[in-house]
N, C-alpha and C. Protein backbone atom coordinates (compact mmCIF):
# COMPACT_ATOMS: atom_id res chain seq x y z
N UNK A 1 93.50 116.59 99.46
CA UNK A 1 92.09 116.03 99.55
C UNK A 1 91.04 117.47 99.91
N UNK A 2 89.90 117.47 99.35
CA UNK A 2 89.32 118.60 99.47
C UNK A 2 88.12 118.02 100.70
N UNK A 3 87.53 119.24 101.04
CA UNK A 3 87.05 119.15 102.23
C UNK A 3 85.71 118.29 101.88
N UNK A 4 84.99 117.99 100.82
CA UNK A 4 84.06 117.36 100.35
C UNK A 4 84.37 115.91 99.90
N UNK A 5 85.66 115.97 99.88
CA UNK A 5 85.89 113.91 99.85
C UNK A 5 85.70 113.13 101.06
N UNK A 6 85.37 112.15 100.74
CA UNK A 6 84.87 111.39 101.95
C UNK A 6 85.89 110.36 102.46
N UNK A 7 86.10 110.36 103.58
CA UNK A 7 87.58 109.54 104.28
C UNK A 7 86.68 108.78 105.29
N UNK A 8 86.48 107.62 105.54
CA UNK A 8 85.52 106.94 106.32
C UNK A 8 86.69 105.99 106.90
N UNK A 9 87.05 105.78 108.19
CA UNK A 9 87.69 104.70 108.96
C UNK A 9 86.52 104.14 109.73
N UNK A 10 86.31 102.84 109.74
CA UNK A 10 85.43 102.30 110.38
C UNK A 10 85.48 100.79 110.93
N UNK A 11 85.34 100.50 112.05
CA UNK A 11 85.34 98.79 112.46
C UNK A 11 84.00 98.41 112.34
N UNK A 12 82.92 98.48 111.54
CA UNK A 12 81.94 98.01 111.27
C UNK A 12 81.84 97.59 109.85
N UNK A 13 80.90 96.68 109.47
CA UNK A 13 81.14 96.29 107.86
C UNK A 13 80.86 97.65 107.24
N UNK A 14 81.32 97.41 105.82
CA UNK A 14 81.23 98.76 104.71
C UNK A 14 79.81 97.93 103.88
N UNK A 15 79.18 98.99 103.65
CA UNK A 15 78.17 99.07 102.68
C UNK A 15 78.38 99.53 101.38
N UNK A 16 79.49 99.31 100.43
CA UNK A 16 79.94 99.83 99.33
C UNK A 16 78.93 100.63 98.48
N UNK A 17 77.29 100.33 98.46
CA UNK A 17 76.41 101.45 97.70
C UNK A 17 76.41 102.83 98.45
N UNK A 18 76.67 102.65 99.85
CA UNK A 18 76.72 104.13 100.49
C UNK A 18 77.68 104.76 100.21
N UNK A 19 78.98 104.09 100.19
CA UNK A 19 79.95 105.06 99.84
C UNK A 19 80.26 105.73 98.48
N UNK A 20 79.55 104.66 97.67
CA UNK A 20 79.62 105.45 96.14
C UNK A 20 78.67 106.29 95.89
N UNK A 21 77.48 106.38 96.78
CA UNK A 21 76.38 107.32 96.85
C UNK A 21 77.01 108.72 97.15
N UNK A 22 78.01 108.69 98.00
CA UNK A 22 78.08 110.00 98.32
C UNK A 22 78.97 110.72 97.48
N UNK A 23 79.58 109.94 96.40
CA UNK A 23 80.24 110.75 95.45
C UNK A 23 79.55 111.47 94.44
N UNK A 24 79.49 112.89 94.39
CA UNK A 24 79.03 113.51 93.59
C UNK A 24 79.66 113.28 92.38
N UNK A 25 79.06 113.29 91.16
CA UNK A 25 79.88 113.36 89.74
C UNK A 25 79.13 114.04 88.56
N UNK A 26 78.01 114.78 89.03
CA UNK A 26 77.05 115.56 87.90
C UNK A 26 78.15 115.81 86.93
N UNK A 27 79.32 116.76 86.96
CA UNK A 27 79.96 117.47 86.26
C UNK A 27 80.95 116.48 85.50
N UNK A 28 81.03 115.15 85.55
CA UNK A 28 81.98 114.51 85.46
C UNK A 28 81.61 113.16 84.72
N UNK A 29 82.43 112.74 83.46
CA UNK A 29 81.76 111.39 82.65
C UNK A 29 82.02 110.12 83.32
N UNK A 30 82.99 110.10 84.23
CA UNK A 30 83.70 108.70 84.69
C UNK A 30 83.15 108.89 86.18
N UNK A 31 82.91 107.59 86.57
CA UNK A 31 82.90 107.03 88.12
C UNK A 31 83.40 105.66 88.08
N UNK A 32 84.67 105.48 88.64
CA UNK A 32 85.43 104.12 88.84
C UNK A 32 85.46 103.68 90.52
N UNK A 33 84.92 102.86 90.64
CA UNK A 33 84.99 102.04 91.92
C UNK A 33 85.77 100.55 92.11
N UNK A 34 86.58 100.34 93.35
CA UNK A 34 87.25 99.63 93.53
C UNK A 34 86.54 98.78 94.87
N UNK A 35 86.18 97.69 95.36
CA UNK A 35 85.67 97.09 96.34
C UNK A 35 86.78 95.78 96.74
N UNK A 36 87.68 96.12 97.72
CA UNK A 36 88.43 94.98 98.17
C UNK A 36 87.61 93.96 99.58
N UNK A 37 87.66 92.95 99.01
CA UNK A 37 87.17 91.89 100.39
C UNK A 37 88.17 90.83 100.64
N UNK A 38 87.85 90.00 101.61
CA UNK A 38 88.53 88.98 102.10
C UNK A 38 88.27 88.05 101.26
N UNK A 39 89.32 87.14 100.67
CA UNK A 39 88.83 86.12 99.82
C UNK A 39 89.07 85.01 100.67
N UNK A 40 88.34 83.97 100.12
CA UNK A 40 87.47 82.69 101.16
C UNK A 40 88.83 81.53 101.13
N UNK A 41 89.71 81.84 100.23
CA UNK A 41 90.85 80.62 100.07
C UNK A 41 91.98 81.55 99.58
N UNK A 42 93.20 81.00 100.16
CA UNK A 42 94.56 81.66 99.27
C UNK A 42 95.20 80.75 99.47
N UNK A 43 96.08 80.37 98.25
CA UNK A 43 97.18 79.60 98.32
C UNK A 43 96.42 77.68 98.59
N UNK A 44 95.37 77.57 98.34
CA UNK A 44 94.74 76.35 98.52
C UNK A 44 94.21 76.09 100.10
N UNK A 45 94.64 77.40 100.79
CA UNK A 45 93.75 77.01 102.25
C UNK A 45 92.75 77.97 102.20
N UNK A 46 91.96 77.67 103.28
CA UNK A 46 90.55 78.33 103.55
C UNK A 46 90.95 79.78 104.66
N UNK A 47 90.41 80.87 104.25
CA UNK A 47 90.82 81.91 105.20
C UNK A 47 89.88 82.33 106.04
N UNK A 48 90.42 82.34 107.35
CA UNK A 48 89.07 82.54 108.18
C UNK A 48 88.76 84.25 108.39
N UNK A 49 89.62 84.87 108.33
CA UNK A 49 89.82 86.61 108.58
C UNK A 49 91.21 86.95 107.97
N UNK A 50 91.17 88.49 108.02
CA UNK A 50 92.13 89.31 107.45
C UNK A 50 92.48 90.21 108.41
N UNK A 51 93.70 90.58 108.96
CA UNK A 51 94.11 91.46 109.65
C UNK A 51 95.19 92.62 109.02
N UNK A 52 94.70 93.69 109.25
CA UNK A 52 95.82 94.90 108.38
C UNK A 52 96.21 95.32 109.53
N UNK A 53 97.85 96.04 109.46
CA UNK A 53 98.42 95.99 110.56
C UNK A 53 98.42 97.91 110.87
N UNK A 54 97.53 98.37 109.76
CA UNK A 54 97.16 99.89 110.13
C UNK A 54 96.17 100.30 111.24
N UNK A 55 96.69 101.13 111.69
CA UNK A 55 96.03 101.76 112.86
C UNK A 55 94.71 102.64 112.38
N UNK A 56 93.77 102.93 113.17
CA UNK A 56 93.05 104.39 112.03
C UNK A 56 93.75 105.26 112.13
N UNK A 57 94.41 105.73 112.92
CA UNK A 57 95.51 106.93 112.63
C UNK A 57 96.11 106.86 111.28
N UNK A 58 96.92 105.45 111.55
CA UNK A 58 97.78 105.54 110.26
C UNK A 58 97.27 104.96 108.96
N UNK A 59 95.56 104.39 108.78
CA UNK A 59 95.09 104.16 107.65
C UNK A 59 94.52 105.68 107.19
N UNK A 60 94.14 106.60 108.02
CA UNK A 60 93.58 107.77 107.89
C UNK A 60 94.81 108.87 107.10
N UNK A 61 95.59 108.84 107.75
CA UNK A 61 97.09 109.31 107.20
C UNK A 61 97.37 109.17 105.63
N UNK A 62 97.59 107.82 105.52
CA UNK A 62 97.64 106.66 104.48
C UNK A 62 96.54 107.50 103.08
N UNK A 63 95.35 107.47 103.60
CA UNK A 63 94.53 107.76 102.50
C UNK A 63 94.42 109.50 102.44
N UNK A 64 94.49 109.98 103.01
CA UNK A 64 94.61 111.48 102.86
C UNK A 64 95.74 111.86 102.51
N UNK A 65 97.15 111.35 102.54
CA UNK A 65 97.91 111.68 101.62
C UNK A 65 98.02 111.20 100.12
N UNK A 66 97.44 109.69 99.91
CA UNK A 66 97.06 109.57 98.73
C UNK A 66 96.23 110.48 97.95
N UNK A 67 94.81 110.94 98.81
CA UNK A 67 94.10 111.64 98.05
C UNK A 67 94.70 112.68 97.65
N UNK A 68 95.34 113.22 98.17
CA UNK A 68 96.45 114.94 98.16
C UNK A 68 97.38 114.27 96.55
N UNK A 69 97.82 113.47 96.71
CA UNK A 69 98.64 112.97 95.58
C UNK A 69 97.91 113.07 94.40
N UNK A 70 96.88 112.26 94.55
CA UNK A 70 95.65 111.88 93.46
C UNK A 70 95.35 113.26 92.49
N UNK A 71 95.20 114.28 93.69
CA UNK A 71 94.50 115.68 93.10
C UNK A 71 96.01 116.11 92.06
N UNK A 72 97.20 116.08 92.65
CA UNK A 72 98.02 116.41 91.80
C UNK A 72 98.24 116.13 90.82
N UNK A 73 97.94 114.59 90.79
CA UNK A 73 98.87 114.09 89.22
C UNK A 73 97.21 114.18 88.05
N UNK A 74 96.22 114.18 88.88
CA UNK A 74 94.84 114.16 87.60
C UNK A 74 93.80 115.36 88.06
N UNK A 75 92.91 115.63 87.26
CA UNK A 75 92.13 116.18 87.01
C UNK A 75 90.93 115.50 87.80
N UNK A 76 90.31 115.40 89.02
CA UNK A 76 89.50 115.01 89.37
C UNK A 76 88.36 115.59 90.19
N UNK A 77 87.07 114.74 90.23
CA UNK A 77 86.11 115.15 90.98
C UNK A 77 85.93 114.76 92.29
N UNK A 78 84.73 114.47 92.97
CA UNK A 78 84.79 114.12 94.07
C UNK A 78 85.31 112.35 94.53
N UNK A 79 85.81 112.42 95.40
CA UNK A 79 86.28 110.89 95.87
C UNK A 79 85.76 110.59 97.01
N UNK A 80 85.74 109.08 97.38
CA UNK A 80 85.37 108.19 98.41
C UNK A 80 86.50 107.57 98.75
N UNK A 81 86.94 107.27 100.15
CA UNK A 81 87.39 106.04 100.63
C UNK A 81 87.29 105.40 101.71
N UNK A 82 86.88 104.28 101.84
CA UNK A 82 86.02 103.84 103.33
C UNK A 82 86.93 102.69 103.62
N UNK A 83 87.80 102.43 104.66
CA UNK A 83 88.65 101.19 105.13
C UNK A 83 88.14 100.64 106.46
N UNK A 84 88.09 99.54 106.52
CA UNK A 84 87.61 98.67 107.89
C UNK A 84 88.87 98.45 108.59
N UNK A 85 89.16 98.36 109.64
CA UNK A 85 90.17 98.37 110.30
C UNK A 85 89.71 97.19 111.22
N UNK A 86 90.79 96.28 111.91
CA UNK A 86 90.30 95.19 112.87
C UNK A 86 90.21 94.24 112.07
N UNK A 87 90.23 92.94 112.56
CA UNK A 87 89.97 91.37 111.62
C UNK A 87 88.52 91.51 111.02
N UNK A 88 88.81 90.94 109.51
CA UNK A 88 87.79 91.33 108.87
C UNK A 88 87.11 89.35 108.35
N UNK A 89 86.30 89.01 108.42
CA UNK A 89 86.25 88.09 108.37
C UNK A 89 86.10 87.36 106.87
N UNK A 90 86.02 85.99 106.41
CA UNK A 90 86.41 86.03 104.87
C UNK A 90 84.94 86.27 104.55
N UNK A 91 85.02 87.05 103.16
CA UNK A 91 83.90 87.21 102.73
C UNK A 91 83.45 89.03 102.69
N UNK A 92 84.30 89.55 103.68
CA UNK A 92 83.89 90.74 104.36
C UNK A 92 84.55 91.98 103.52
N UNK A 93 84.31 92.89 103.33
CA UNK A 93 84.62 94.11 102.45
C UNK A 93 85.61 94.79 103.52
N UNK A 94 86.83 95.30 103.07
CA UNK A 94 87.82 95.82 103.79
C UNK A 94 87.99 97.04 103.20
N UNK A 95 87.68 97.66 102.02
CA UNK A 95 88.17 98.41 101.31
C UNK A 95 87.22 99.21 100.09
N UNK A 96 86.83 100.23 100.27
CA UNK A 96 86.17 100.45 98.84
C UNK A 96 86.68 102.14 98.65
N UNK A 97 86.82 102.14 97.32
CA UNK A 97 87.59 103.73 96.99
C UNK A 97 86.65 103.92 95.48
N UNK A 98 85.96 105.20 95.21
CA UNK A 98 85.15 105.56 94.40
C UNK A 98 85.90 107.02 93.94
N UNK A 99 86.20 107.20 92.57
CA UNK A 99 86.91 107.86 91.77
C UNK A 99 85.90 108.73 90.91
N UNK A 100 85.51 110.02 90.93
CA UNK A 100 85.09 110.88 89.63
C UNK A 100 86.01 111.56 88.97
N UNK A 101 86.14 111.52 87.40
CA UNK A 101 86.85 112.49 86.95
C UNK A 101 85.77 112.92 85.81
N UNK A 102 86.10 113.83 84.92
CA UNK A 102 85.32 114.26 83.94
C UNK A 102 86.08 113.34 82.68
N UNK A 103 86.89 112.20 82.65
CA UNK A 103 87.10 111.44 81.70
C UNK A 103 87.79 109.87 82.34
N UNK A 104 87.28 108.79 81.65
CA UNK A 104 87.68 107.60 82.22
C UNK A 104 89.11 107.46 82.46
N UNK A 105 90.09 107.64 81.69
CA UNK A 105 91.25 107.49 81.92
C UNK A 105 92.04 107.78 83.15
N UNK A 106 91.54 109.01 83.28
CA UNK A 106 91.86 109.92 84.31
C UNK A 106 91.54 109.07 85.98
N UNK A 107 90.14 108.42 85.80
CA UNK A 107 89.30 108.03 87.04
C UNK A 107 89.84 106.36 86.90
N UNK A 108 90.43 105.76 85.93
CA UNK A 108 90.80 104.52 86.21
C UNK A 108 92.34 104.78 86.91
N UNK A 109 93.06 105.67 86.37
CA UNK A 109 94.52 105.62 86.58
C UNK A 109 94.38 106.11 88.39
N UNK A 110 93.83 107.13 88.84
CA UNK A 110 93.76 107.53 89.81
C UNK A 110 93.14 106.29 90.89
N UNK A 111 92.15 106.01 90.70
CA UNK A 111 91.84 104.78 91.23
C UNK A 111 92.73 103.59 91.54
N UNK A 112 93.39 103.34 90.20
CA UNK A 112 94.48 102.21 90.20
C UNK A 112 95.46 102.77 91.37
N UNK A 113 95.91 103.84 91.19
CA UNK A 113 97.09 104.66 92.11
C UNK A 113 96.56 104.39 93.44
N UNK A 114 95.35 104.51 93.81
CA UNK A 114 95.07 104.65 95.15
C UNK A 114 94.92 103.45 95.53
N UNK A 115 94.76 102.09 95.17
CA UNK A 115 94.74 100.82 95.22
C UNK A 115 96.34 100.37 95.62
N UNK A 116 96.89 100.96 94.92
CA UNK A 116 98.56 100.38 94.60
C UNK A 116 99.14 101.13 95.89
N UNK A 117 98.85 102.52 96.09
CA UNK A 117 99.43 103.11 97.22
C UNK A 117 99.09 102.59 98.90
N UNK A 118 97.75 102.22 98.88
CA UNK A 118 97.39 101.54 100.00
C UNK A 118 97.97 100.37 100.41
N UNK A 119 97.99 99.43 99.30
CA UNK A 119 98.58 97.79 99.24
C UNK A 119 100.23 98.03 99.78
N UNK A 120 100.46 99.27 99.13
CA UNK A 120 102.16 99.19 99.28
C UNK A 120 102.59 99.70 100.93
N UNK A 121 101.52 100.48 101.36
CA UNK A 121 101.50 101.32 102.57
C UNK A 121 101.06 100.63 103.99
N UNK A 122 100.11 99.58 103.63
CA UNK A 122 99.41 98.73 104.67
C UNK A 122 99.82 97.18 104.37
N UNK A 123 100.14 96.79 105.44
CA UNK A 123 100.43 94.93 105.06
C UNK A 123 99.42 94.66 105.83
N UNK A 124 99.04 93.21 105.41
CA UNK A 124 97.72 92.49 106.06
C UNK A 124 98.25 90.75 106.28
N UNK A 125 97.55 90.52 107.39
CA UNK A 125 97.95 88.76 107.60
C UNK A 125 96.83 88.34 107.72
N UNK A 126 96.80 87.11 106.65
CA UNK A 126 95.78 86.22 106.65
C UNK A 126 95.64 85.05 107.72
N UNK A 127 93.98 85.00 108.53
CA UNK A 127 94.43 84.07 109.56
C UNK A 127 93.34 82.80 108.84
N UNK A 128 94.34 81.77 108.63
CA UNK A 128 93.89 80.66 107.77
C UNK A 128 93.48 79.57 108.84
N UNK A 129 92.36 78.48 108.45
CA UNK A 129 92.03 77.61 109.10
C UNK A 129 93.50 76.51 109.77
N UNK A 130 94.35 76.75 108.92
CA UNK A 130 95.68 75.69 109.05
C UNK A 130 96.59 76.64 110.47
N UNK A 131 96.13 77.36 110.67
CA UNK A 131 96.79 78.33 111.63
C UNK A 131 98.07 79.66 110.92
């Protein structure tokens, strides 16, 4: 991870546009973003909230390690990660990833990699209306 990459762990609502705006990509031809939110329904049941098991420290380590791995695999510009801890209500945003790269194949591949690594490392529990 480069020192100018953004890594933010928060318990406050995430505004995706603010995270994306922090990614400089003047010298890059692609900026790929991912916004993860808590779905309203899952398996036919209404979802009230989602709780990830990652602590602030755990999420920071996962994202920092993932960013370092991404930099080894692809030629990337700036990156930004913002993760929300604690319970997040249905419709709330839990994760924003923004990756800039000189070319779109690298940007898409790196962003997909970041999503997959995060999902492998962090489990989540849906709180549904039926308990």
